[in-house]
Amino acid sequence: MLEQIFFAAVAFIGGLISVPLGGSFLFVIPAFLFLGLDGISTILLGRVMMIGSMAAASAEFLRTEKFEFQKITKFLAGNLAGFFVAAKFLSTLDADAVTKIVPWILFFGAIFLLKNFKVESEKWKKFYARTLPIFGFLIGFYAGLGGGGNGKIILLLFSIALSFEFKSALVQTRFVEFFGNIFAVGAYFFFGAKATGFEIPVLISAAIGGFLGAKIVLQTKPKFLKFAFLILVLISAVKVTFFNEKSFLFFKKFFSNFFNF
C-alpha cells in the first residue's frame, strides 16, 4: 500500500508539471528508478503517467481552445509509427547520446521563442507542412527509446516552423502526446513489456495533476510560459552534460587525485 502511495505521489507531481512546462521525465524517471523499477518498466510507467496527465489536460483544453486537427493528424501519424518502431528495439537501443544534445538545441530554440521568431517564408511553411509525418516519425522514434524532451521538441516545431502562437502550440502538443503515449504503451506491451502493478494509481494521480496543470496554462500569460520553458531546458542541458554518471566518476577521480597529490 505504501509503495502505491509513493508511485501515485510521483505521478501527481509529474502530471502537474508536464502540462504547463513539460520535462516531467527529468523528475519521474529518476524517481521511479529510485523506487525500484528497471529501465524498461520505468519508461513504460512514465508513458502511463503521461497518458493520464495529457488525457485530463486535453479534455480541459477541448472546452476552450482551438485544435488544428488537420496538421495534428499528419504529424501524429508519423509520430505513432516512430513509437511503434522504437518499441521493437527498446531493449537493444537507447537514446542516451542524443538526449545529451537535444536540451542544448532546445535551449537555443527557447531563445528564438522569446524573440517571437517564426518561419515567415511560405516556401518553408509548405515544406514543413508536407514533411510533418517524417518529423513526427523521428520524434516518436526518439521518444519511444526513452529520449527526453519529446514534448518540448514538438512545441518548438509547432511554434517556430508552423507559426502557431505559443499557447496554441502547447495545447496542440499535449493533444499529440496523449495519443502518442497511448500508442507507445500499447506497443511496449505488444513487444513483451510487463505491467508493473502501479499503473492504476499512477494513471489516476497523473490525471489529477494534468487537470491542474491545464488550469495553470489557461490562466498564465504566454510570455511567462516561454520563460519557464527556457529555464527548464537550461536545467535539462546542464543536468545531462554535467550531472550524469560519467561526469560524476570523472570529478570523483579528479578530486581524489588532487587531494592525494
Protein backbone atom coordinates (compact mmCIF):
# COMPACT_ATOMS: atom_id res chain seq x y z
CA MET A 1 0.00 0.00 0.00
CA LEU A 2 2.80 2.41 0.89
CA GLU A 3 4.52 1.73 -2.44
CA GLN A 4 1.29 2.55 -4.29
CA ILE A 5 1.15 5.90 -2.48
CA PHE A 6 4.77 6.73 -3.37
CA PHE A 7 4.22 5.95 -7.05
CA ALA A 8 0.96 7.91 -7.05
CA ALA A 9 2.69 10.92 -5.47
CA VAL A 10 5.43 10.88 -8.10
CA ALA A 11 2.79 10.62 -10.84
CA PHE A 12 0.80 13.56 -9.43
CA ILE A 13 3.86 15.83 -9.43
CA GLY A 14 4.86 14.60 -12.88
CA GLY A 15 1.37 15.15 -14.24
CA LEU A 16 1.19 18.62 -12.74
CA ILE A 17 4.45 19.87 -14.27
CA SER A 18 4.13 18.00 -17.59
CA VAL A 19 1.32 20.20 -18.94
CA PRO A 20 2.49 23.81 -18.40
CA LEU A 21 6.23 23.07 -18.51
CA GLY A 22 6.96 19.63 -19.90
CA GLY A 23 10.16 17.92 -18.83
CA SER A 24 8.41 15.76 -16.25
CA PHE A 25 10.66 12.81 -17.11
CA LEU A 26 13.57 14.71 -15.53
CA PHE A 27 11.85 14.05 -12.21
CA VAL A 28 9.68 10.99 -12.86
CA ILE A 29 12.25 8.63 -14.41
CA PRO A 30 14.86 9.02 -11.61
CA ALA A 31 12.07 8.76 -9.01
CA PHE A 32 10.69 5.53 -10.49
CA LEU A 33 14.20 4.07 -10.73
CA PHE A 34 14.80 5.04 -7.09
CA LEU A 35 11.58 3.25 -6.14
CA GLY A 36 12.98 0.03 -7.59
CA LEU A 37 11.83 -0.29 -11.21
CA ASP A 38 14.15 -1.39 -14.01
CA GLY A 39 14.80 0.75 -17.08
CA ILE A 40 12.11 -0.57 -19.40
CA SER A 41 9.46 -0.68 -16.66
CA THR A 42 10.35 2.89 -15.75
CA ILE A 43 9.84 4.12 -19.30
CA LEU A 44 6.58 2.18 -19.56
CA LEU A 45 5.19 3.62 -16.32
CA GLY A 46 6.38 7.08 -17.32
CA ARG A 47 4.32 6.78 -20.50
CA VAL A 48 1.31 5.63 -18.47
CA MET A 49 1.71 8.73 -16.34
CA MET A 50 1.75 10.86 -19.49
CA ILE A 51 -1.47 9.25 -20.72
CA GLY A 52 -3.24 10.27 -17.52
CA SER A 53 -1.94 13.82 -17.42
CA MET A 54 -2.39 14.53 -21.15
CA ALA A 55 -5.88 13.00 -21.22
CA ALA A 56 -7.08 15.25 -18.41
CA ALA A 57 -5.33 18.30 -19.87
CA SER A 58 -6.66 17.71 -23.40
CA ALA A 59 -10.20 17.27 -22.09
CA GLU A 60 -9.92 20.62 -20.32
CA PHE A 61 -8.35 22.31 -23.37
CA LEU A 62 -11.07 20.99 -25.69
CA ARG A 63 -13.62 23.10 -23.83
CA THR A 64 -11.96 26.42 -24.62
CA GLU A 65 -9.11 26.07 -27.12
CA LYS A 66 -8.95 25.62 -30.90
CA PHE A 67 -7.33 22.46 -32.22
CA GLU A 68 -5.59 22.30 -35.62
CA PHE A 69 -6.74 18.76 -36.31
CA GLN A 70 -5.53 18.55 -39.91
CA LYS A 71 -1.94 19.45 -39.05
CA ILE A 72 -2.00 17.44 -35.83
CA THR A 73 -3.23 14.32 -37.64
CA LYS A 74 -0.44 14.46 -40.22
CA PHE A 75 2.20 14.81 -37.54
CA LEU A 76 0.57 12.23 -35.29
CA ALA A 77 0.52 9.54 -37.99
CA GLY A 78 4.31 9.66 -38.26
CA ASN A 79 4.69 10.02 -34.51
CA LEU A 80 2.76 6.82 -33.81
CA ALA A 81 4.80 4.91 -36.37
CA GLY A 82 8.00 6.13 -34.70
CA PHE A 83 6.81 4.99 -31.28
CA PHE A 84 5.91 1.57 -32.67
CA VAL A 85 9.30 1.01 -34.32
CA ALA A 86 11.12 2.23 -31.20
CA ALA A 87 9.16 -0.20 -29.00
CA LYS A 88 10.55 -3.06 -31.07
CA PHE A 89 14.14 -2.01 -30.35
CA LEU A 90 13.70 -0.62 -26.83
CA SER A 91 15.72 -3.37 -25.15
CA THR A 92 18.65 -3.14 -27.59
CA LEU A 93 18.97 0.58 -28.34
CA ASP A 94 18.83 3.75 -26.28
CA ALA A 95 18.66 7.47 -26.92
CA ASP A 96 21.28 8.44 -24.33
CA ALA A 97 23.73 10.13 -26.71
CA VAL A 98 21.01 12.13 -28.47
CA THR A 99 19.43 13.05 -25.14
CA LYS A 100 22.64 14.85 -24.18
CA ILE A 101 22.46 17.01 -27.31
CA VAL A 102 18.74 17.73 -27.50
CA PRO A 103 18.45 20.04 -24.43
CA TRP A 104 21.08 22.40 -25.83
CA ILE A 105 19.22 22.55 -29.16
CA LEU A 106 16.03 23.24 -27.22
CA PHE A 107 17.78 25.97 -25.22
CA PHE A 108 18.62 27.94 -28.37
CA GLY A 109 15.13 27.25 -29.67
CA ALA A 110 13.70 28.70 -26.45
CA ILE A 111 15.65 31.91 -27.09
CA PHE A 112 14.02 32.12 -30.52
CA LEU A 113 10.65 31.68 -28.83
CA LEU A 114 11.31 34.63 -26.52
CA LYS A 115 12.19 36.71 -29.58
CA ASN A 116 8.92 35.59 -31.21
CA PHE A 117 10.84 34.17 -34.14
CA LYS A 118 8.65 32.47 -36.77
CA VAL A 119 9.33 30.95 -40.16
CA GLU A 120 7.85 33.58 -42.48
CA SER A 121 8.72 32.04 -45.86
CA GLU A 122 5.67 30.40 -47.46
CA LYS A 123 8.02 28.01 -49.24
CA TRP A 124 9.43 26.72 -45.96
CA LYS A 125 6.00 26.62 -44.34
CA LYS A 126 4.79 24.35 -47.14
CA PHE A 127 7.92 22.22 -46.75
CA TYR A 128 7.32 21.71 -43.03
CA ALA A 129 3.62 21.01 -43.63
CA ARG A 130 4.44 18.32 -46.20
CA THR A 131 7.14 16.69 -44.09
CA LEU A 132 5.19 16.67 -40.80
CA PRO A 133 4.81 12.85 -40.87
CA ILE A 134 8.61 12.48 -41.23
CA PHE A 135 9.28 14.85 -38.33
CA GLY A 136 6.61 13.00 -36.37
CA PHE A 137 8.28 9.64 -37.03
CA LEU A 138 11.75 10.82 -35.99
CA ILE A 139 10.49 12.46 -32.81
CA GLY A 140 8.31 9.44 -31.98
CA PHE A 141 11.21 7.04 -32.51
CA TYR A 142 13.46 9.11 -30.27
CA ALA A 143 10.80 9.39 -27.56
CA GLY A 144 9.93 5.71 -27.82
CA LEU A 145 13.50 4.81 -26.91
CA GLY A 146 13.14 6.87 -23.74
CA GLY A 147 14.71 10.04 -25.08
CA GLY A 148 13.91 13.18 -23.08
CA GLY A 149 12.44 16.44 -24.36
CA ASN A 150 9.95 14.90 -26.77
CA GLY A 151 7.14 17.32 -25.94
CA LYS A 152 9.46 20.33 -25.99
CA ILE A 153 10.73 19.38 -29.46
CA ILE A 154 7.16 19.20 -30.77
CA LEU A 155 6.34 22.50 -29.08
CA LEU A 156 9.26 24.22 -30.81
CA LEU A 157 8.33 22.71 -34.16
CA PHE A 158 4.73 23.89 -33.88
CA SER A 159 5.71 27.34 -32.57
CA ILE A 160 8.57 28.22 -34.90
CA ALA A 161 8.21 26.11 -38.03
CA LEU A 162 4.39 26.16 -38.24
CA SER A 163 3.98 29.64 -36.71
CA PHE A 164 1.46 28.65 -34.02
CA GLU A 165 1.03 31.06 -31.14
CA PHE A 166 2.88 29.66 -28.12
CA LYS A 167 -0.14 28.74 -26.03
CA SER A 168 -1.85 27.19 -29.04
CA ALA A 169 1.32 25.21 -29.84
CA LEU A 170 1.40 23.96 -26.25
CA VAL A 171 -2.23 22.82 -26.44
CA GLN A 172 -1.66 21.01 -29.76
CA THR A 173 1.48 19.39 -28.36
CA ARG A 174 -0.29 17.98 -25.30
CA PHE A 175 -3.01 16.53 -27.54
CA VAL A 176 -0.40 14.81 -29.72
CA GLU A 177 1.39 13.50 -26.63
CA PHE A 178 -1.83 11.98 -25.31
CA PHE A 179 -2.32 9.76 -28.36
CA GLY A 180 1.40 9.15 -28.80
CA ASN A 181 1.75 7.78 -25.29
CA ILE A 182 -1.33 5.56 -25.61
CA PHE A 183 0.16 4.04 -28.74
CA ALA A 184 3.61 3.74 -27.16
CA VAL A 185 2.31 1.87 -24.12
CA GLY A 186 0.30 -0.46 -26.35
CA ALA A 187 3.39 -1.12 -28.46
CA TYR A 188 5.53 -1.83 -25.38
CA PHE A 189 3.03 -4.45 -24.21
CA PHE A 190 2.77 -5.89 -27.71
CA PHE A 191 6.52 -6.43 -27.82
CA GLY A 192 6.62 -8.11 -24.42
CA ALA A 193 6.79 -5.47 -21.69
CA LYS A 194 5.16 -6.48 -18.40
CA ALA A 195 2.81 -4.44 -16.24
CA THR A 196 4.40 -3.06 -13.08
CA GLY A 197 1.28 -3.22 -10.90
CA PHE A 198 1.33 0.53 -10.31
CA GLU A 199 -0.45 1.60 -13.50
CA ILE A 200 -3.86 2.43 -11.97
CA PRO A 201 -2.71 4.74 -9.12
CA VAL A 202 -0.19 6.37 -11.47
CA LEU A 203 -2.88 6.96 -14.12
CA ILE A 204 -5.37 8.46 -11.66
CA SER A 205 -2.86 10.68 -9.84
CA ALA A 206 -1.33 11.90 -13.11
CA ALA A 207 -4.81 12.80 -14.41
CA ILE A 208 -5.46 14.96 -11.35
CA GLY A 209 -2.07 16.63 -11.80
CA GLY A 210 -2.68 17.09 -15.53
CA PHE A 211 -6.06 18.73 -14.96
CA LEU A 212 -4.50 21.23 -12.53
CA GLY A 213 -1.64 21.78 -14.99
CA ALA A 214 -4.14 22.65 -17.74
CA LYS A 215 -5.78 25.18 -15.43
CA ILE A 216 -2.38 26.78 -14.89
CA VAL A 217 -1.78 27.00 -18.66
CA LEU A 218 -5.16 28.65 -19.31
CA GLN A 219 -4.56 31.28 -16.63
CA THR A 220 -0.90 32.03 -17.37
CA LYS A 221 0.44 34.59 -19.83
CA PRO A 222 2.36 33.09 -22.79
CA LYS A 223 5.47 35.15 -22.04
CA PHE A 224 5.78 33.62 -18.58
CA LEU A 225 5.36 30.13 -20.09
CA LYS A 226 8.16 30.92 -22.54
CA PHE A 227 10.50 31.98 -19.71
CA ALA A 228 9.60 28.83 -17.78
CA PHE A 229 10.32 26.78 -20.92
CA LEU A 230 13.74 28.44 -21.29
CA ILE A 231 14.68 27.83 -17.65
CA LEU A 232 13.58 24.20 -17.81
CA VAL A 233 15.56 23.35 -20.94
CA LEU A 234 18.63 25.07 -19.48
CA ILE A 235 18.33 22.93 -16.36
CA SER A 236 17.94 19.87 -18.59
CA ALA A 237 21.02 20.78 -20.61
CA VAL A 238 23.17 21.34 -17.53
CA LYS A 239 21.91 18.12 -15.95
CA VAL A 240 22.66 15.83 -18.90
CA THR A 241 26.04 17.49 -19.51
CA PHE A 242 27.48 17.82 -16.03
CA PHE A 243 25.37 15.63 -13.73
CA ASN A 244 25.44 12.20 -15.33
CA GLU A 245 27.22 9.05 -14.20
CA LYS A 246 30.33 9.58 -16.35
CA SER A 247 30.73 13.16 -15.16
CA PHE A 248 30.34 12.05 -11.57
CA LEU A 249 33.09 9.43 -11.96
CA PHE A 250 35.34 11.95 -13.73
CA PHE A 251 35.06 14.56 -10.99
CA LYS A 252 35.39 11.90 -8.31
CA LYS A 253 38.64 10.69 -9.87
CA PHE A 254 39.88 14.25 -10.42
CA PHE A 255 39.35 15.38 -6.83
CA SER A 256 40.70 12.09 -5.50
CA ASN A 257 43.93 12.58 -7.46
CA PHE A 258 44.07 16.26 -6.47
CA PHE A 259 43.85 15.64 -2.75
CA ASN A 260 46.26 12.71 -2.95
CA PHE A 261 48.77 14.95 -4.72
